[in-house]
Amino acid sequence: MTGKNHKGQCLINGRWVNGGGVEFTSIEPARGAEVWRGRAAAAADVNAAVVAARNAHPAWARTSLDQRIAVVQRFKALVTQHHFF
């Protein structure tokens, strides 16, 4: 994951892409200010993500529990660092 802000994008097969669906805006409710703008995932985006997940599953299934825990902990650190929540 890079330092780029990927809000409003879809992570499909390890690449950040703009969704092919309708554009929408995230609004901060207290002030009514725009936080970010992006495109929703279209059906084709969802299908591509499902295919990528299915293709990745065999390798993930061979991954040890310790390695899986390390991946999840790294993900948590990245989410915390980049405030993707």
C-alpha atoms as a PDB file:
ATOM      1  CA  MET A   1       0.000   0.000   0.000  1.00  0.00           C
ATOM      2  CA  THR A   2       1.389   3.384  -0.890  1.00  0.00           C
ATOM      3  CA  GLY A   3       0.962   6.667   0.930  1.00  0.00           C
ATOM      4  CA  LYS A   4      -1.608   7.754  -1.687  1.00  0.00           C
ATOM      5  CA  ASN A   5      -5.116   8.399  -0.433  1.00  0.00           C
ATOM      6  CA  HIS A   6      -7.303   5.704  -2.011  1.00  0.00           C
ATOM      7  CA  LYS A   7     -10.621   6.810  -0.569  1.00  0.00           C
ATOM      8  CA  GLY A   8     -13.348   6.294  -3.134  1.00  0.00           C
ATOM      9  CA  GLN A   9     -11.427   3.578  -4.969  1.00  0.00           C
ATOM     10  CA  CYS A  10     -11.661  -0.211  -5.077  1.00  0.00           C
ATOM     11  CA  LEU A  11      -8.750  -2.544  -4.358  1.00  0.00           C
ATOM     12  CA  ILE A  12      -9.061  -5.317  -6.936  1.00  0.00           C
ATOM     13  CA  ASN A  13      -6.342  -7.900  -7.468  1.00  0.00           C
ATOM     14  CA  GLY A  14      -3.781  -5.741  -5.676  1.00  0.00           C
ATOM     15  CA  ARG A  15      -4.486  -2.587  -7.711  1.00  0.00           C
ATOM     16  CA  TRP A  16      -6.418   0.537  -6.744  1.00  0.00           C
ATOM     17  CA  VAL A  17      -9.013   1.381  -9.391  1.00  0.00           C
ATOM     18  CA  ASN A  18     -11.838   3.861  -9.690  1.00  0.00           C
ATOM     19  CA  GLY A  19     -15.229   2.224  -9.442  1.00  0.00           C
ATOM     20  CA  GLY A  20     -17.332   2.098 -12.568  1.00  0.00           C
ATOM     21  CA  GLY A  21     -20.580   2.951 -10.799  1.00  0.00           C
ATOM     22  CA  VAL A  22     -22.294   6.196  -9.942  1.00  0.00           C
ATOM     23  CA  GLU A  23     -20.368   9.070  -8.377  1.00  0.00           C
ATOM     24  CA  PHE A  24     -21.085   9.880  -4.756  1.00  0.00           C
ATOM     25  CA  THR A  25     -19.737  12.216  -2.109  1.00  0.00           C
ATOM     26  CA  SER A  26     -18.865  11.512   1.513  1.00  0.00           C
ATOM     27  CA  ILE A  27     -20.068  14.378   3.687  1.00  0.00           C
ATOM     28  CA  GLU A  28     -18.812  15.149   7.202  1.00  0.00           C
ATOM     29  CA  PRO A  29     -22.136  15.520   9.053  1.00  0.00           C
ATOM     30  CA  ALA A  30     -21.151  18.049  11.724  1.00  0.00           C
ATOM     31  CA  ARG A  31     -20.134  20.751   9.245  1.00  0.00           C
ATOM     32  CA  GLY A  32     -21.649  19.443   6.016  1.00  0.00           C
ATOM     33  CA  ALA A  33     -18.210  19.581   4.393  1.00  0.00           C
ATOM     34  CA  GLU A  34     -17.173  17.259   1.600  1.00  0.00           C
ATOM     35  CA  VAL A  35     -14.654  14.682   2.838  1.00  0.00           C
ATOM     36  CA  TRP A  36     -14.055  12.918  -0.454  1.00  0.00           C
ATOM     37  CA  ARG A  37     -15.714  12.086  -3.734  1.00  0.00           C
ATOM     38  CA  GLY A  38     -15.535   8.800  -5.598  1.00  0.00           C
ATOM     39  CA  ARG A  39     -17.361   6.284  -7.711  1.00  0.00           C
ATOM     40  CA  ALA A  40     -19.243   3.279  -6.386  1.00  0.00           C
ATOM     41  CA  ALA A  41     -18.250  -0.172  -7.541  1.00  0.00           C
ATOM     42  CA  ALA A  42     -20.190  -1.362 -10.574  1.00  0.00           C
ATOM     43  CA  ALA A  43     -21.258  -4.978 -11.055  1.00  0.00           C
ATOM     44  CA  ALA A  44     -18.160  -5.573 -13.208  1.00  0.00           C
ATOM     45  CA  ASP A  45     -15.935  -4.282 -10.375  1.00  0.00           C
ATOM     46  CA  VAL A  46     -17.578  -6.631  -7.880  1.00  0.00           C
ATOM     47  CA  ASN A  47     -17.245  -9.564 -10.283  1.00  0.00           C
ATOM     48  CA  ALA A  48     -13.542  -8.777 -10.837  1.00  0.00           C
ATOM     49  CA  ALA A  49     -12.971  -8.622  -7.075  1.00  0.00           C
ATOM     50  CA  VAL A  50     -14.701 -11.984  -6.553  1.00  0.00           C
ATOM     51  CA  VAL A  51     -12.623 -13.611  -9.315  1.00  0.00           C
ATOM     52  CA  ALA A  52      -9.422 -12.171  -7.798  1.00  0.00           C
ATOM     53  CA  ALA A  53     -10.397 -13.435  -4.333  1.00  0.00           C
ATOM     54  CA  ARG A  54     -11.170 -16.907  -5.660  1.00  0.00           C
ATOM     55  CA  ASN A  55      -7.837 -17.011  -7.483  1.00  0.00           C
ATOM     56  CA  ALA A  56      -5.984 -15.923  -4.331  1.00  0.00           C
ATOM     57  CA  HIS A  57      -7.684 -18.431  -2.047  1.00  0.00           C
ATOM     58  CA  PRO A  58      -5.532 -21.530  -2.775  1.00  0.00           C
ATOM     59  CA  ALA A  59      -2.321 -19.707  -1.791  1.00  0.00           C
ATOM     60  CA  TRP A  60      -3.986 -18.195   1.298  1.00  0.00           C
ATOM     61  CA  ALA A  61      -5.247 -21.644   2.320  1.00  0.00           C
ATOM     62  CA  ARG A  62      -1.641 -22.902   2.301  1.00  0.00           C
ATOM     63  CA  THR A  63      -0.522 -20.019   4.537  1.00  0.00           C
ATOM     64  CA  SER A  64       0.218 -20.931   8.153  1.00  0.00           C
ATOM     65  CA  LEU A  65      -1.828 -19.504  10.998  1.00  0.00           C
ATOM     66  CA  ASP A  66       1.172 -17.491  12.230  1.00  0.00           C
ATOM     67  CA  GLN A  67       1.624 -15.954   8.778  1.00  0.00           C
ATOM     68  CA  ARG A  68      -2.083 -15.122   8.543  1.00  0.00           C
ATOM     69  CA  ILE A  69      -1.976 -13.444  11.951  1.00  0.00           C
ATOM     70  CA  ALA A  70       1.042 -11.396  10.837  1.00  0.00           C
ATOM     71  CA  VAL A  71      -0.825 -10.279   7.690  1.00  0.00           C
ATOM     72  CA  VAL A  72      -3.881  -9.216   9.688  1.00  0.00           C
ATOM     73  CA  GLN A  73      -1.722  -7.343  12.214  1.00  0.00           C
ATOM     74  CA  ARG A  74       0.093  -5.546   9.374  1.00  0.00           C
ATOM     75  CA  PHE A  75      -3.273  -4.611   7.847  1.00  0.00           C
ATOM     76  CA  LYS A  76      -4.414  -3.231  11.206  1.00  0.00           C
ATOM     77  CA  ALA A  77      -1.245  -1.123  11.440  1.00  0.00           C
ATOM     78  CA  LEU A  78      -1.785   0.263   7.932  1.00  0.00           C
ATOM     79  CA  VAL A  79      -5.424   1.102   8.631  1.00  0.00           C
ATOM     80  CA  THR A  80      -4.439   2.866  11.838  1.00  0.00           C
ATOM     81  CA  GLN A  81      -1.567   4.704  10.145  1.00  0.00           C
ATOM     82  CA  HIS A  82      -3.634   5.894   7.175  1.00  0.00           C
ATOM     83  CA  HIS A  83      -6.944   6.397   8.999  1.00  0.00           C
ATOM     84  CA  PHE A  84      -8.975   4.378   6.490  1.00  0.00           C
ATOM     85  CA  PHE A  85     -11.801   4.034   8.988  1.00  0.00           C
END
